[in-house]
Amino acid sequence: MLSIAIYLVYVLLGASILIMLAFGIRNLGRSGENKLVLAGFALPIVLAGVLMAVYGSWVPALIMTAVVLMLLAFLLMILSAGRRFVR
């Protein structure tokens, strides 16, 4: 029973990554030549590559990529709220 749940999690993770990739490519085409948008799409790929070189395996590298990106998103939300508060 546990192995079925693990495979279901893998399938859901894979599907969510493919959906994010599809919407990202679609939005990238709509953005034109905005360099900030291109950097935003390249950041997870570059970060995963660097962490892959550090850890030597994709599993911990992708987990740490997700953790770093979540912490970065949280930090940016705090900075955005702080900037609005200062105005």
N, C-alpha and C. Protein backbone atom coordinates (compact mmCIF):
# COMPACT_ATOMS: atom_id res chain seq x y z
N MET A 1 0.81 -1.19 0.00
CA MET A 1 0.00 0.00 0.00
C MET A 1 0.86 1.26 0.00
N LEU A 2 1.94 1.23 0.75
CA LEU A 2 2.80 2.40 0.83
C LEU A 2 3.47 2.68 -0.52
N SER A 3 3.86 1.64 -1.22
CA SER A 3 4.54 1.86 -2.49
C SER A 3 3.60 2.49 -3.51
N ILE A 4 2.31 2.18 -3.45
CA ILE A 4 1.34 2.80 -4.36
C ILE A 4 1.24 4.29 -4.06
N ALA A 5 1.23 4.64 -2.79
CA ALA A 5 1.16 6.05 -2.41
C ALA A 5 2.41 6.81 -2.86
N ILE A 6 3.54 6.17 -2.77
CA ILE A 6 4.79 6.82 -3.19
C ILE A 6 4.77 7.06 -4.70
N TYR A 7 4.34 6.06 -5.46
CA TYR A 7 4.27 6.24 -6.91
C TYR A 7 3.22 7.29 -7.29
N LEU A 8 2.14 7.37 -6.54
CA LEU A 8 1.13 8.39 -6.80
C LEU A 8 1.71 9.79 -6.57
N VAL A 9 2.51 9.94 -5.54
CA VAL A 9 3.17 11.22 -5.28
C VAL A 9 4.12 11.57 -6.42
N TYR A 10 4.88 10.59 -6.91
CA TYR A 10 5.77 10.83 -8.05
C TYR A 10 5.00 11.27 -9.28
N VAL A 11 3.89 10.63 -9.54
CA VAL A 11 3.07 10.98 -10.70
C VAL A 11 2.53 12.39 -10.56
N LEU A 12 2.03 12.74 -9.38
CA LEU A 12 1.50 14.08 -9.16
C LEU A 12 2.60 15.15 -9.26
N LEU A 13 3.76 14.85 -8.73
CA LEU A 13 4.88 15.80 -8.85
C LEU A 13 5.28 15.99 -10.30
N GLY A 14 5.38 14.90 -11.03
CA GLY A 14 5.73 15.00 -12.45
C GLY A 14 4.70 15.77 -13.24
N ALA A 15 3.42 15.52 -12.97
CA ALA A 15 2.36 16.24 -13.67
C ALA A 15 2.39 17.72 -13.34
N SER A 16 2.62 18.06 -12.10
CA SER A 16 2.66 19.48 -11.72
C SER A 16 3.86 20.18 -12.35
N ILE A 17 4.99 19.50 -12.43
CA ILE A 17 6.16 20.11 -13.07
C ILE A 17 5.91 20.32 -14.55
N LEU A 18 5.29 19.36 -15.21
CA LEU A 18 4.98 19.52 -16.63
C LEU A 18 3.99 20.66 -16.86
N ILE A 19 3.00 20.80 -15.99
CA ILE A 19 2.04 21.88 -16.13
C ILE A 19 2.72 23.23 -15.91
N MET A 20 3.58 23.32 -14.90
CA MET A 20 4.31 24.57 -14.66
C MET A 20 5.19 24.91 -15.85
N LEU A 21 5.83 23.92 -16.42
CA LEU A 21 6.69 24.14 -17.58
C LEU A 21 5.87 24.62 -18.77
N ALA A 22 4.73 24.00 -19.00
CA ALA A 22 3.88 24.40 -20.13
C ALA A 22 3.39 25.83 -19.98
N PHE A 23 2.89 26.19 -18.81
CA PHE A 23 2.43 27.56 -18.61
C PHE A 23 3.59 28.55 -18.62
N GLY A 24 4.73 28.14 -18.14
CA GLY A 24 5.90 29.03 -18.16
C GLY A 24 6.35 29.33 -19.57
N ILE A 25 6.38 28.31 -20.42
CA ILE A 25 6.78 28.52 -21.81
C ILE A 25 5.74 29.38 -22.52
N ARG A 26 4.47 29.16 -22.23
CA ARG A 26 3.41 29.97 -22.85
C ARG A 26 3.55 31.43 -22.44
N ASN A 27 3.78 31.68 -21.16
CA ASN A 27 3.91 33.06 -20.70
C ASN A 27 5.21 33.69 -21.17
N LEU A 28 6.23 32.89 -21.34
CA LEU A 28 7.50 33.42 -21.84
C LEU A 28 7.33 33.96 -23.24
N GLY A 29 6.54 33.27 -24.04
CA GLY A 29 6.28 33.76 -25.39
C GLY A 29 5.50 35.06 -25.40
N ARG A 30 4.65 35.28 -24.43
CA ARG A 30 3.85 36.50 -24.35
C ARG A 30 4.62 37.67 -23.77
N SER A 31 5.70 37.40 -23.06
CA SER A 31 6.40 38.48 -22.35
C SER A 31 7.26 39.34 -23.25
N GLY A 32 7.57 38.87 -24.43
CA GLY A 32 8.45 39.63 -25.32
C GLY A 32 9.90 39.45 -24.90
N GLU A 33 10.60 40.55 -24.77
CA GLU A 33 12.03 40.50 -24.47
C GLU A 33 12.35 41.02 -23.07
N ASN A 34 11.44 40.95 -22.14
CA ASN A 34 11.67 41.44 -20.80
C ASN A 34 12.72 40.57 -20.11
N LYS A 35 13.84 41.15 -19.78
CA LYS A 35 14.97 40.39 -19.21
C LYS A 35 14.66 39.87 -17.81
N LEU A 36 13.86 40.59 -17.04
CA LEU A 36 13.53 40.15 -15.70
C LEU A 36 12.68 38.88 -15.74
N VAL A 37 11.78 38.79 -16.71
CA VAL A 37 10.96 37.59 -16.86
C VAL A 37 11.83 36.41 -17.25
N LEU A 38 12.76 36.63 -18.16
CA LEU A 38 13.67 35.55 -18.56
C LEU A 38 14.52 35.08 -17.39
N ALA A 39 14.99 36.01 -16.58
CA ALA A 39 15.77 35.63 -15.40
C ALA A 39 14.92 34.86 -14.40
N GLY A 40 13.66 35.23 -14.27
CA GLY A 40 12.77 34.52 -13.36
C GLY A 40 12.52 33.09 -13.78
N PHE A 41 12.45 32.84 -15.08
CA PHE A 41 12.28 31.48 -15.56
C PHE A 41 13.58 30.69 -15.48
N ALA A 42 14.71 31.36 -15.62
CA ALA A 42 15.99 30.66 -15.62
C ALA A 42 16.49 30.35 -14.21
N LEU A 43 16.03 31.09 -13.21
CA LEU A 43 16.52 30.92 -11.84
C LEU A 43 16.36 29.50 -11.31
N PRO A 44 15.18 28.87 -11.39
CA PRO A 44 15.08 27.50 -10.87
C PRO A 44 15.95 26.50 -11.60
N ILE A 45 16.10 26.69 -12.90
CA ILE A 45 16.92 25.76 -13.69
C ILE A 45 18.38 25.89 -13.31
N VAL A 46 18.85 27.12 -13.20
CA VAL A 46 20.25 27.36 -12.84
C VAL A 46 20.51 26.88 -11.40
N LEU A 47 19.58 27.20 -10.51
CA LEU A 47 19.73 26.79 -9.11
C LEU A 47 19.76 25.27 -8.99
N ALA A 48 18.89 24.59 -9.71
CA ALA A 48 18.88 23.12 -9.67
C ALA A 48 20.18 22.55 -10.22
N GLY A 49 20.71 23.16 -11.27
CA GLY A 49 21.98 22.70 -11.83
C GLY A 49 23.14 22.88 -10.87
N VAL A 50 23.18 24.03 -10.21
CA VAL A 50 24.25 24.28 -9.23
C VAL A 50 24.14 23.32 -8.06
N LEU A 51 22.92 23.14 -7.55
CA LEU A 51 22.74 22.23 -6.42
C LEU A 51 22.98 20.78 -6.82
N MET A 52 22.74 20.44 -8.08
CA MET A 52 23.05 19.09 -8.55
C MET A 52 24.56 18.86 -8.50
N ALA A 53 25.31 19.89 -8.88
CA ALA A 53 26.77 19.77 -8.83
C ALA A 53 27.25 19.67 -7.38
N VAL A 54 26.57 20.33 -6.46
CA VAL A 54 26.98 20.29 -5.06
C VAL A 54 26.63 18.95 -4.42
N TYR A 55 25.39 18.50 -4.61
CA TYR A 55 24.93 17.29 -3.94
C TYR A 55 25.28 16.01 -4.70
N GLY A 56 25.42 16.08 -6.00
CA GLY A 56 25.76 14.90 -6.79
C GLY A 56 24.59 14.00 -7.10
N SER A 57 23.39 14.40 -6.73
CA SER A 57 22.19 13.61 -7.00
C SER A 57 21.04 14.58 -7.25
N TRP A 58 20.11 14.16 -8.09
CA TRP A 58 19.00 15.05 -8.43
C TRP A 58 17.99 15.20 -7.30
N VAL A 59 17.80 14.16 -6.51
CA VAL A 59 16.74 14.19 -5.49
C VAL A 59 17.00 15.28 -4.45
N PRO A 60 18.13 15.29 -3.76
CA PRO A 60 18.33 16.37 -2.79
C PRO A 60 18.48 17.73 -3.46
N ALA A 61 19.01 17.75 -4.68
CA ALA A 61 19.17 19.03 -5.38
C ALA A 61 17.81 19.66 -5.68
N LEU A 62 16.86 18.86 -6.13
CA LEU A 62 15.54 19.40 -6.44
C LEU A 62 14.77 19.75 -5.19
N ILE A 63 14.95 18.98 -4.13
CA ILE A 63 14.29 19.32 -2.87
C ILE A 63 14.84 20.65 -2.34
N MET A 64 16.14 20.81 -2.36
CA MET A 64 16.73 22.07 -1.89
C MET A 64 16.37 23.23 -2.81
N THR A 65 16.22 22.98 -4.10
CA THR A 65 15.77 24.02 -5.02
C THR A 65 14.39 24.50 -4.63
N ALA A 66 13.49 23.57 -4.35
CA ALA A 66 12.14 23.93 -3.94
C ALA A 66 12.16 24.71 -2.63
N VAL A 67 12.97 24.28 -1.68
CA VAL A 67 13.05 24.97 -0.39
C VAL A 67 13.60 26.39 -0.56
N VAL A 68 14.65 26.53 -1.35
CA VAL A 68 15.25 27.85 -1.57
C VAL A 68 14.27 28.77 -2.28
N LEU A 69 13.55 28.26 -3.27
CA LEU A 69 12.60 29.09 -3.99
C LEU A 69 11.42 29.50 -3.10
N MET A 70 10.98 28.60 -2.22
CA MET A 70 9.91 28.97 -1.29
C MET A 70 10.37 30.03 -0.30
N LEU A 71 11.60 29.90 0.21
CA LEU A 71 12.13 30.91 1.11
C LEU A 71 12.31 32.24 0.39
N LEU A 72 12.76 32.21 -0.85
CA LEU A 72 12.90 33.43 -1.64
C LEU A 72 11.55 34.09 -1.88
N ALA A 73 10.54 33.30 -2.19
CA ALA A 73 9.19 33.85 -2.38
C ALA A 73 8.68 34.47 -1.09
N PHE A 74 8.90 33.81 0.03
CA PHE A 74 8.48 34.36 1.32
C PHE A 74 9.19 35.68 1.61
N LEU A 75 10.50 35.73 1.36
CA LEU A 75 11.26 36.95 1.59
C LEU A 75 10.76 38.08 0.70
N LEU A 76 10.48 37.78 -0.56
CA LEU A 76 9.98 38.81 -1.46
C LEU A 76 8.59 39.30 -1.06
N MET A 77 7.76 38.42 -0.52
CA MET A 77 6.45 38.85 -0.03
C MET A 77 6.61 39.78 1.17
N ILE A 78 7.52 39.46 2.07
CA ILE A 78 7.77 40.32 3.23
C ILE A 78 8.30 41.68 2.78
N LEU A 79 9.23 41.68 1.84
CA LEU A 79 9.78 42.96 1.35
C LEU A 79 8.71 43.77 0.65
N SER A 80 7.85 43.11 -0.12
CA SER A 80 6.78 43.82 -0.80
C SER A 80 5.79 44.43 0.18
N ALA A 81 5.45 43.68 1.21
CA ALA A 81 4.54 44.20 2.23
C ALA A 81 5.20 45.35 3.00
N GLY A 82 6.48 45.23 3.28
CA GLY A 82 7.19 46.29 3.98
C GLY A 82 7.28 47.56 3.16
N ARG A 83 7.48 47.41 1.87
CA ARG A 83 7.54 48.56 1.00
C ARG A 83 6.20 49.28 0.92
N ARG A 84 5.13 48.50 0.91
CA ARG A 84 3.80 49.10 0.88
C ARG A 84 3.50 49.79 2.22
N PHE A 85 4.00 49.22 3.30
CA PHE A 85 3.78 49.80 4.63
C PHE A 85 4.51 51.12 4.78
N VAL A 86 5.70 51.24 4.20
CA VAL A 86 6.50 52.46 4.32
C VAL A 86 5.88 53.60 3.55
N ARG A 87 5.23 53.32 2.45
CA ARG A 87 4.59 54.39 1.65
C ARG A 87 3.55 55.02 2.44
